[in-house]
Amino acid sequence: MITEERNKIEGLIENALDSVRPYLEADGGNVKLAEVTDDLIVRLELMGSCQTCPMNAMTFRAGLEESIRKAVPNVLRVEAVNVPSLV
């Protein structure tokens, strides 16, 4: 993937994450974009209370992953790098 295309995709993903962040922050959590691979696997790092929240799987799938897929429909997969059950 060329740098310009990567930057555009990462920007779209960051905007999608920004739309969800206020909800995460309200509960003491957050999310960080860790990596976008060349084959469009998005790796996220859950931070704060999001790492151990019993609802993190639902938040991850219905909130984070859904927002990213709306912004960049050709994303192959979304993974959490620091929560083994969400990889």
PDB file of N, CA and C in Angstrom:
ATOM      1  N   MET A   1       0.859  -1.175   0.000  1.00  0.00           N
ATOM      2  CA  MET A   1       0.000   0.000   0.000  1.00  0.00           C
ATOM      3  C   MET A   1       0.904   1.236   0.000  1.00  0.00           C
ATOM      4  N   ILE A   2       0.615   2.180  -0.869  1.00  0.00           N
ATOM      5  CA  ILE A   2       1.438   3.383  -0.937  1.00  0.00           C
ATOM      6  C   ILE A   2       1.122   4.296   0.242  1.00  0.00           C
ATOM      7  N   THR A   3       2.072   5.142   0.579  1.00  0.00           N
ATOM      8  CA  THR A   3       1.975   5.988   1.766  1.00  0.00           C
ATOM      9  C   THR A   3       0.744   6.886   1.744  1.00  0.00           C
ATOM     10  N   GLU A   4       0.448   7.479   0.606  1.00  0.00           N
ATOM     11  CA  GLU A   4      -0.705   8.377   0.509  1.00  0.00           C
ATOM     12  C   GLU A   4      -2.013   7.633   0.801  1.00  0.00           C
ATOM     13  N   GLU A   5      -2.129   6.447   0.228  1.00  0.00           N
ATOM     14  CA  GLU A   5      -3.324   5.630   0.456  1.00  0.00           C
ATOM     15  C   GLU A   5      -3.412   5.201   1.925  1.00  0.00           C
ATOM     16  N   ARG A   6      -2.275   4.793   2.508  1.00  0.00           N
ATOM     17  CA  ARG A   6      -2.246   4.393   3.919  1.00  0.00           C
ATOM     18  C   ARG A   6      -2.674   5.557   4.815  1.00  0.00           C
ATOM     19  N   ASN A   7      -2.144   6.741   4.536  1.00  0.00           N
ATOM     20  CA  ASN A   7      -2.498   7.911   5.338  1.00  0.00           C
ATOM     21  C   ASN A   7      -3.992   8.214   5.257  1.00  0.00           C
ATOM     22  N   LYS A   8      -4.565   8.084   4.074  1.00  0.00           N
ATOM     23  CA  LYS A   8      -5.995   8.331   3.903  1.00  0.00           C
ATOM     24  C   LYS A   8      -6.810   7.318   4.704  1.00  0.00           C
ATOM     25  N   ILE A   9      -6.451   6.047   4.599  1.00  0.00           N
ATOM     26  CA  ILE A   9      -7.169   4.996   5.321  1.00  0.00           C
ATOM     27  C   ILE A   9      -7.036   5.188   6.828  1.00  0.00           C
ATOM     28  N   GLU A  10      -5.821   5.475   7.292  1.00  0.00           N
ATOM     29  CA  GLU A  10      -5.619   5.703   8.723  1.00  0.00           C
ATOM     30  C   GLU A  10      -6.419   6.913   9.203  1.00  0.00           C
ATOM     31  N   GLY A  11      -6.509   7.944   8.392  1.00  0.00           N
ATOM     32  CA  GLY A  11      -7.308   9.118   8.753  1.00  0.00           C
ATOM     33  C   GLY A  11      -8.789   8.781   8.866  1.00  0.00           C
ATOM     34  N   LEU A  12      -9.292   7.989   7.929  1.00  0.00           N
ATOM     35  CA  LEU A  12     -10.691   7.566   7.989  1.00  0.00           C
ATOM     36  C   LEU A  12     -10.961   6.717   9.236  1.00  0.00           C
ATOM     37  N   ILE A  13     -10.018   5.849   9.566  1.00  0.00           N
ATOM     38  CA  ILE A  13     -10.171   5.007  10.758  1.00  0.00           C
ATOM     39  C   ILE A  13     -10.120   5.858  12.014  1.00  0.00           C
ATOM     40  N   GLU A  14      -9.200   6.808  12.080  1.00  0.00           N
ATOM     41  CA  GLU A  14      -9.129   7.699  13.253  1.00  0.00           C
ATOM     42  C   GLU A  14     -10.423   8.494  13.418  1.00  0.00           C
ATOM     43  N   ASN A  15     -10.991   8.976  12.317  1.00  0.00           N
ATOM     44  CA  ASN A  15     -12.268   9.691  12.396  1.00  0.00           C
ATOM     45  C   ASN A  15     -13.373   8.790  12.922  1.00  0.00           C
ATOM     46  N   ALA A  16     -13.384   7.535  12.468  1.00  0.00           N
ATOM     47  CA  ALA A  16     -14.381   6.571  12.960  1.00  0.00           C
ATOM     48  C   ALA A  16     -14.196   6.331  14.447  1.00  0.00           C
ATOM     49  N   LEU A  17     -12.951   6.184  14.882  1.00  0.00           N
ATOM     50  CA  LEU A  17     -12.684   5.975  16.308  1.00  0.00           C
ATOM     51  C   LEU A  17     -13.070   7.209  17.122  1.00  0.00           C
ATOM     52  N   ASP A  18     -12.817   8.384  16.569  1.00  0.00           N
ATOM     53  CA  ASP A  18     -13.188   9.631  17.263  1.00  0.00           C
ATOM     54  C   ASP A  18     -14.686   9.712  17.510  1.00  0.00           C
ATOM     55  N   SER A  19     -15.480   9.105  16.638  1.00  0.00           N
ATOM     56  CA  SER A  19     -16.936   9.149  16.817  1.00  0.00           C
ATOM     57  C   SER A  19     -17.381   8.268  17.987  1.00  0.00           C
ATOM     58  N   VAL A  20     -16.554   7.303  18.370  1.00  0.00           N
ATOM     59  CA  VAL A  20     -16.888   6.377  19.452  1.00  0.00           C
ATOM     60  C   VAL A  20     -16.183   6.749  20.760  1.00  0.00           C
ATOM     61  N   ARG A  21     -15.069   7.453  20.664  1.00  0.00           N
ATOM     62  CA  ARG A  21     -14.255   7.766  21.846  1.00  0.00           C
ATOM     63  C   ARG A  21     -15.015   8.412  22.994  1.00  0.00           C
ATOM     64  N   PRO A  22     -15.913   9.363  22.751  1.00  0.00           N
ATOM     65  CA  PRO A  22     -16.600   9.978  23.893  1.00  0.00           C
ATOM     66  C   PRO A  22     -17.325   8.958  24.785  1.00  0.00           C
ATOM     67  N   TYR A  23     -17.863   7.916  24.179  1.00  0.00           N
ATOM     68  CA  TYR A  23     -18.557   6.885  24.941  1.00  0.00           C
ATOM     69  C   TYR A  23     -17.570   6.054  25.756  1.00  0.00           C
ATOM     70  N   LEU A  24     -16.426   5.774  25.165  1.00  0.00           N
ATOM     71  CA  LEU A  24     -15.392   5.027  25.873  1.00  0.00           C
ATOM     72  C   LEU A  24     -14.829   5.846  27.028  1.00  0.00           C
ATOM     73  N   GLU A  25     -14.548   7.118  26.752  1.00  0.00           N
ATOM     74  CA  GLU A  25     -13.966   7.996  27.756  1.00  0.00           C
ATOM     75  C   GLU A  25     -14.918   8.221  28.928  1.00  0.00           C
ATOM     76  N   ALA A  26     -16.212   8.223  28.667  1.00  0.00           N
ATOM     77  CA  ALA A  26     -17.202   8.413  29.733  1.00  0.00           C
ATOM     78  C   ALA A  26     -17.117   7.302  30.775  1.00  0.00           C
ATOM     79  N   ASP A  27     -16.638   6.130  30.360  1.00  0.00           N
ATOM     80  CA  ASP A  27     -16.501   4.992  31.264  1.00  0.00           C
ATOM     81  C   ASP A  27     -15.049   4.719  31.644  1.00  0.00           C
ATOM     82  N   GLY A  28     -14.162   5.679  31.390  1.00  0.00           N
ATOM     83  CA  GLY A  28     -12.766   5.535  31.792  1.00  0.00           C
ATOM     84  C   GLY A  28     -11.893   4.752  30.830  1.00  0.00           C
ATOM     85  N   GLY A  29     -12.323   4.638  29.580  1.00  0.00           N
ATOM     86  CA  GLY A  29     -11.552   3.881  28.600  1.00  0.00           C
ATOM     87  C   GLY A  29     -11.174   4.717  27.400  1.00  0.00           C
ATOM     88  N   ASN A  30     -10.518   4.060  26.458  1.00  0.00           N
ATOM     89  CA  ASN A  30     -10.166   4.710  25.197  1.00  0.00           C
ATOM     90  C   ASN A  30      -9.669   3.633  24.244  1.00  0.00           C
ATOM     91  N   VAL A  31      -9.314   4.048  23.044  1.00  0.00           N
ATOM     92  CA  VAL A  31      -8.795   3.122  22.032  1.00  0.00           C
ATOM     93  C   VAL A  31      -7.725   3.846  21.236  1.00  0.00           C
ATOM     94  N   LYS A  32      -6.724   3.079  20.820  1.00  0.00           N
ATOM     95  CA  LYS A  32      -5.622   3.626  20.033  1.00  0.00           C
ATOM     96  C   LYS A  32      -5.452   2.756  18.791  1.00  0.00           C
ATOM     97  N   LEU A  33      -5.268   3.397  17.650  1.00  0.00           N
ATOM     98  CA  LEU A  33      -4.965   2.678  16.416  1.00  0.00           C
ATOM     99  C   LEU A  33      -3.513   2.224  16.496  1.00  0.00           C
ATOM    100  N   ALA A  34      -3.303   0.911  16.581  1.00  0.00           N
ATOM    101  CA  ALA A  34      -1.949   0.368  16.703  1.00  0.00           C
ATOM    102  C   ALA A  34      -1.309   0.141  15.343  1.00  0.00           C
ATOM    103  N   GLU A  35      -2.111  -0.348  14.373  1.00  0.00           N
ATOM    104  CA  GLU A  35      -1.530  -0.705  13.075  1.00  0.00           C
ATOM    105  C   GLU A  35      -2.624  -0.935  12.048  1.00  0.00           C
ATOM    106  N   VAL A  36      -2.299  -0.617  10.812  1.00  0.00           N
ATOM    107  CA  VAL A  36      -3.096  -1.037   9.658  1.00  0.00           C
ATOM    108  C   VAL A  36      -2.128  -1.763   8.745  1.00  0.00           C
ATOM    109  N   THR A  37      -2.357  -3.045   8.533  1.00  0.00           N
ATOM    110  CA  THR A  37      -1.449  -3.833   7.695  1.00  0.00           C
ATOM    111  C   THR A  37      -1.726  -3.568   6.218  1.00  0.00           C
ATOM    112  N   ASP A  38      -0.817  -4.017   5.376  1.00  0.00           N
ATOM    113  CA  ASP A  38      -0.985  -3.838   3.933  1.00  0.00           C
ATOM    114  C   ASP A  38      -2.215  -4.557   3.397  1.00  0.00           C
ATOM    115  N   ASP A  39      -2.618  -5.649   4.056  1.00  0.00           N
ATOM    116  CA  ASP A  39      -3.812  -6.369   3.609  1.00  0.00           C
ATOM    117  C   ASP A  39      -5.072  -5.930   4.355  1.00  0.00           C
ATOM    118  N   LEU A  40      -5.011  -4.737   4.960  1.00  0.00           N
ATOM    119  CA  LEU A  40      -6.137  -4.066   5.614  1.00  0.00           C
ATOM    120  C   LEU A  40      -6.694  -4.827   6.824  1.00  0.00           C
ATOM    121  N   ILE A  41      -5.802  -5.299   7.651  1.00  0.00           N
ATOM    122  CA  ILE A  41      -6.174  -5.763   8.985  1.00  0.00           C
ATOM    123  C   ILE A  41      -5.887  -4.602   9.920  1.00  0.00           C
ATOM    124  N   VAL A  42      -6.899  -4.209  10.671  1.00  0.00           N
ATOM    125  CA  VAL A  42      -6.774  -3.083  11.591  1.00  0.00           C
ATOM    126  C   VAL A  42      -6.538  -3.643  12.988  1.00  0.00           C
ATOM    127  N   ARG A  43      -5.491  -3.159  13.632  1.00  0.00           N
ATOM    128  CA  ARG A  43      -5.187  -3.598  14.995  1.00  0.00           C
ATOM    129  C   ARG A  43      -5.344  -2.413  15.926  1.00  0.00           C
ATOM    130  N   LEU A  44      -6.171  -2.631  16.947  1.00  0.00           N
ATOM    131  CA  LEU A  44      -6.474  -1.587  17.920  1.00  0.00           C
ATOM    132  C   LEU A  44      -5.936  -1.971  19.289  1.00  0.00           C
ATOM    133  N   GLU A  45      -5.608  -0.967  20.069  1.00  0.00           N
ATOM    134  CA  GLU A  45      -5.211  -1.189  21.458  1.00  0.00           C
ATOM    135  C   GLU A  45      -6.287  -0.567  22.346  1.00  0.00           C
ATOM    136  N   LEU A  46      -6.953  -1.405  23.137  1.00  0.00           N
ATOM    137  CA  LEU A  46      -7.928  -0.900  24.085  1.00  0.00           C
ATOM    138  C   LEU A  46      -7.184  -0.392  25.305  1.00  0.00           C
ATOM    139  N   MET A  47      -7.631   0.734  25.837  1.00  0.00           N
ATOM    140  CA  MET A  47      -6.919   1.368  26.941  1.00  0.00           C
ATOM    141  C   MET A  47      -7.872   1.605  28.111  1.00  0.00           C
ATOM    142  N   GLY A  48      -7.293   1.772  29.280  1.00  0.00           N
ATOM    143  CA  GLY A  48      -8.072   2.062  30.475  1.00  0.00           C
ATOM    144  C   GLY A  48      -9.032   0.938  30.803  1.00  0.00           C
ATOM    145  N   SER A  49     -10.221   1.314  31.224  1.00  0.00           N
ATOM    146  CA  SER A  49     -11.216   0.322  31.647  1.00  0.00           C
ATOM    147  C   SER A  49     -11.690  -0.573  30.507  1.00  0.00           C
ATOM    148  N   CYS A  50     -11.443  -0.183  29.276  1.00  0.00           N
ATOM    149  CA  CYS A  50     -11.864  -1.010  28.129  1.00  0.00           C
ATOM    150  C   CYS A  50     -11.133  -2.354  28.086  1.00  0.00           C
ATOM    151  N   GLN A  51      -9.946  -2.415  28.676  1.00  0.00           N
ATOM    152  CA  GLN A  51      -9.174  -3.656  28.656  1.00  0.00           C
ATOM    153  C   GLN A  51      -9.847  -4.761  29.460  1.00  0.00           C
ATOM    154  N   THR A  52     -10.490  -4.406  30.554  1.00  0.00           N
ATOM    155  CA  THR A  52     -11.033  -5.415  31.470  1.00  0.00           C
ATOM    156  C   THR A  52     -12.551  -5.381  31.601  1.00  0.00           C
ATOM    157  N   CYS A  53     -13.194  -4.499  30.901  1.00  0.00           N
ATOM    158  CA  CYS A  53     -14.652  -4.377  30.993  1.00  0.00           C
ATOM    159  C   CYS A  53     -15.321  -5.666  30.509  1.00  0.00           C
ATOM    160  N   PRO A  54     -16.309  -6.165  31.241  1.00  0.00           N
ATOM    161  CA  PRO A  54     -16.988  -7.381  30.801  1.00  0.00           C
ATOM    162  C   PRO A  54     -17.782  -7.195  29.505  1.00  0.00           C
ATOM    163  N   MET A  55     -18.019  -5.968  29.110  1.00  0.00           N
ATOM    164  CA  MET A  55     -18.760  -5.688  27.880  1.00  0.00           C
ATOM    165  C   MET A  55     -17.831  -5.333  26.716  1.00  0.00           C
ATOM    166  N   ASN A  56     -16.525  -5.534  26.884  1.00  0.00           N
ATOM    167  CA  ASN A  56     -15.599  -5.068  25.846  1.00  0.00           C
ATOM    168  C   ASN A  56     -15.804  -5.772  24.503  1.00  0.00           C
ATOM    169  N   ALA A  57     -16.234  -7.015  24.506  1.00  0.00           N
ATOM    170  CA  ALA A  57     -16.477  -7.703  23.226  1.00  0.00           C
ATOM    171  C   ALA A  57     -17.623  -7.046  22.463  1.00  0.00           C
ATOM    172  N   MET A  58     -18.682  -6.699  23.176  1.00  0.00           N
ATOM    173  CA  MET A  58     -19.822  -6.043  22.528  1.00  0.00           C
ATOM    174  C   MET A  58     -19.431  -4.649  22.043  1.00  0.00           C
ATOM    175  N   THR A  59     -18.737  -3.897  22.885  1.00  0.00           N
ATOM    176  CA  THR A  59     -18.285  -2.560  22.496  1.00  0.00           C
ATOM    177  C   THR A  59     -17.356  -2.648  21.294  1.00  0.00           C
ATOM    178  N   PHE A  60     -16.479  -3.631  21.313  1.00  0.00           N
ATOM    179  CA  PHE A  60     -15.515  -3.789  20.227  1.00  0.00           C
ATOM    180  C   PHE A  60     -16.223  -4.069  18.914  1.00  0.00           C
ATOM    181  N   ARG A  61     -17.112  -5.059  18.906  1.00  0.00           N
ATOM    182  CA  ARG A  61     -17.784  -5.462  17.665  1.00  0.00           C
ATOM    183  C   ARG A  61     -18.825  -4.437  17.206  1.00  0.00           C
ATOM    184  N   ALA A  62     -19.712  -4.039  18.105  1.00  0.00           N
ATOM    185  CA  ALA A  62     -20.829  -3.173  17.720  1.00  0.00           C
ATOM    186  C   ALA A  62     -20.434  -1.708  17.616  1.00  0.00           C
ATOM    187  N   GLY A  63     -19.409  -1.310  18.331  1.00  0.00           N
ATOM    188  CA  GLY A  63     -19.005   0.090  18.305  1.00  0.00           C
ATOM    189  C   GLY A  63     -17.804   0.341  17.417  1.00  0.00           C
ATOM    190  N   LEU A  64     -16.668  -0.190  17.823  1.00  0.00           N
ATOM    191  CA  LEU A  64     -15.419   0.095  17.126  1.00  0.00           C
ATOM    192  C   LEU A  64     -15.361  -0.535  15.736  1.00  0.00           C
ATOM    193  N   GLU A  65     -15.581  -1.837  15.674  1.00  0.00           N
ATOM    194  CA  GLU A  65     -15.486  -2.513  14.379  1.00  0.00           C
ATOM    195  C   GLU A  65     -16.531  -1.994  13.396  1.00  0.00           C
ATOM    196  N   GLU A  66     -17.740  -1.819  13.857  1.00  0.00           N
ATOM    197  CA  GLU A  66     -18.809  -1.328  12.972  1.00  0.00           C
ATOM    198  C   GLU A  66     -18.484   0.066  12.434  1.00  0.00           C
ATOM    199  N   SER A  67     -17.984   0.949  13.294  1.00  0.00           N
ATOM    200  CA  SER A  67     -17.618   2.305  12.851  1.00  0.00           C
ATOM    201  C   SER A  67     -16.509   2.277  11.814  1.00  0.00           C
ATOM    202  N   ILE A  68     -15.514   1.419  12.048  1.00  0.00           N
ATOM    203  CA  ILE A  68     -14.401   1.310  11.105  1.00  0.00           C
ATOM    204  C   ILE A  68     -14.885   0.751   9.773  1.00  0.00           C
ATOM    205  N   ARG A  69     -15.726  -0.271   9.799  1.00  0.00           N
ATOM    206  CA  ARG A  69     -16.213  -0.884   8.554  1.00  0.00           C
ATOM    207  C   ARG A  69     -17.101   0.075   7.752  1.00  0.00           C
ATOM    208  N   LYS A  70     -17.816   0.951   8.437  1.00  0.00           N
ATOM    209  CA  LYS A  70     -18.604   1.961   7.719  1.00  0.00           C
ATOM    210  C   LYS A  70     -17.683   2.960   7.018  1.00  0.00           C
ATOM    211  N   ALA A  71     -16.585   3.317   7.673  1.00  0.00           N
ATOM    212  CA  ALA A  71     -15.653   4.296   7.112  1.00  0.00           C
ATOM    213  C   ALA A  71     -14.775   3.690   6.018  1.00  0.00           C
ATOM    214  N   VAL A  72     -14.372   2.433   6.209  1.00  0.00           N
ATOM    215  CA  VAL A  72     -13.485   1.753   5.264  1.00  0.00           C
ATOM    216  C   VAL A  72     -14.040   0.341   5.045  1.00  0.00           C
ATOM    217  N   PRO A  73     -14.999   0.203   4.137  1.00  0.00           N
ATOM    218  CA  PRO A  73     -15.693  -1.077   3.953  1.00  0.00           C
ATOM    219  C   PRO A  73     -14.800  -2.256   3.548  1.00  0.00           C
ATOM    220  N   ASN A  74     -13.667  -1.993   2.941  1.00  0.00           N
ATOM    221  CA  ASN A  74     -12.812  -3.085   2.484  1.00  0.00           C
ATOM    222  C   ASN A  74     -11.828  -3.587   3.542  1.00  0.00           C
ATOM    223  N   VAL A  75     -11.986  -3.159   4.802  1.00  0.00           N
ATOM    224  CA  VAL A  75     -11.158  -3.682   5.892  1.00  0.00           C
ATOM    225  C   VAL A  75     -11.418  -5.180   6.004  1.00  0.00           C
ATOM    226  N   LEU A  76     -10.353  -5.941   6.056  1.00  0.00           N
ATOM    227  CA  LEU A  76     -10.466  -7.393   6.122  1.00  0.00           C
ATOM    228  C   LEU A  76     -10.877  -7.867   7.518  1.00  0.00           C
ATOM    229  N   ARG A  77     -10.228  -7.301   8.554  1.00  0.00           N
ATOM    230  CA  ARG A  77     -10.492  -7.735   9.922  1.00  0.00           C
ATOM    231  C   ARG A  77     -10.084  -6.635  10.883  1.00  0.00           C
ATOM    232  N   VAL A  78     -10.735  -6.599  12.052  1.00  0.00           N
ATOM    233  CA  VAL A  78     -10.381  -5.670  13.119  1.00  0.00           C
ATOM    234  C   VAL A  78     -10.048  -6.510  14.342  1.00  0.00           C
ATOM    235  N   GLU A  79      -8.868  -6.267  14.923  1.00  0.00           N
ATOM    236  CA  GLU A  79      -8.399  -7.031  16.066  1.00  0.00           C
ATOM    237  C   GLU A  79      -7.980  -6.098  17.190  1.00  0.00           C
ATOM    238  N   ALA A  80      -8.065  -6.613  18.412  1.00  0.00           N
ATOM    239  CA  ALA A  80      -7.516  -5.910  19.570  1.00  0.00           C
ATOM    240  C   ALA A  80      -6.184  -6.573  19.916  1.00  0.00           C
ATOM    241  N   VAL A  81      -5.111  -5.804  19.964  1.00  0.00           N
ATOM    242  CA  VAL A  81      -3.786  -6.383  20.173  1.00  0.00           C
ATOM    243  C   VAL A  81      -3.526  -6.755  21.630  1.00  0.00           C
ATOM    244  N   ASN A  82      -4.271  -6.166  22.559  1.00  0.00           N
ATOM    245  CA  ASN A  82      -3.977  -6.393  23.972  1.00  0.00           C
ATOM    246  C   ASN A  82      -5.110  -7.086  24.731  1.00  0.00           C
ATOM    247  N   VAL A  83      -6.086  -7.595  24.038  1.00  0.00           N
ATOM    248  CA  VAL A  83      -7.176  -8.355  24.669  1.00  0.00           C
ATOM    249  C   VAL A  83      -7.306  -9.662  23.885  1.00  0.00           C
ATOM    250  N   PRO A  84      -6.685 -10.750  24.364  1.00  0.00           N
ATOM    251  CA  PRO A  84      -6.625 -11.998  23.594  1.00  0.00           C
ATOM    252  C   PRO A  84      -7.987 -12.515  23.112  1.00  0.00           C
ATOM    253  N   SER A  85      -9.040 -12.317  23.869  1.00  0.00           N
ATOM    254  CA  SER A  85     -10.347 -12.828  23.461  1.00  0.00           C
ATOM    255  C   SER A  85     -10.940 -12.076  22.279  1.00  0.00           C
ATOM    256  N   LEU A  86     -10.349 -10.940  21.919  1.00  0.00           N
ATOM    257  CA  LEU A  86     -10.878 -10.130  20.822  1.00  0.00           C
ATOM    258  C   LEU A  86     -10.011 -10.189  19.572  1.00  0.00           C
ATOM    259  N   VAL A  87      -9.033 -11.043  19.544  1.00  0.00           N
ATOM    260  CA  VAL A  87      -8.143 -11.138  18.378  1.00  0.00           C
ATOM    261  C   VAL A  87      -8.803 -11.999  17.314  1.00  0.00           C
TER     262      VAL A  87
END
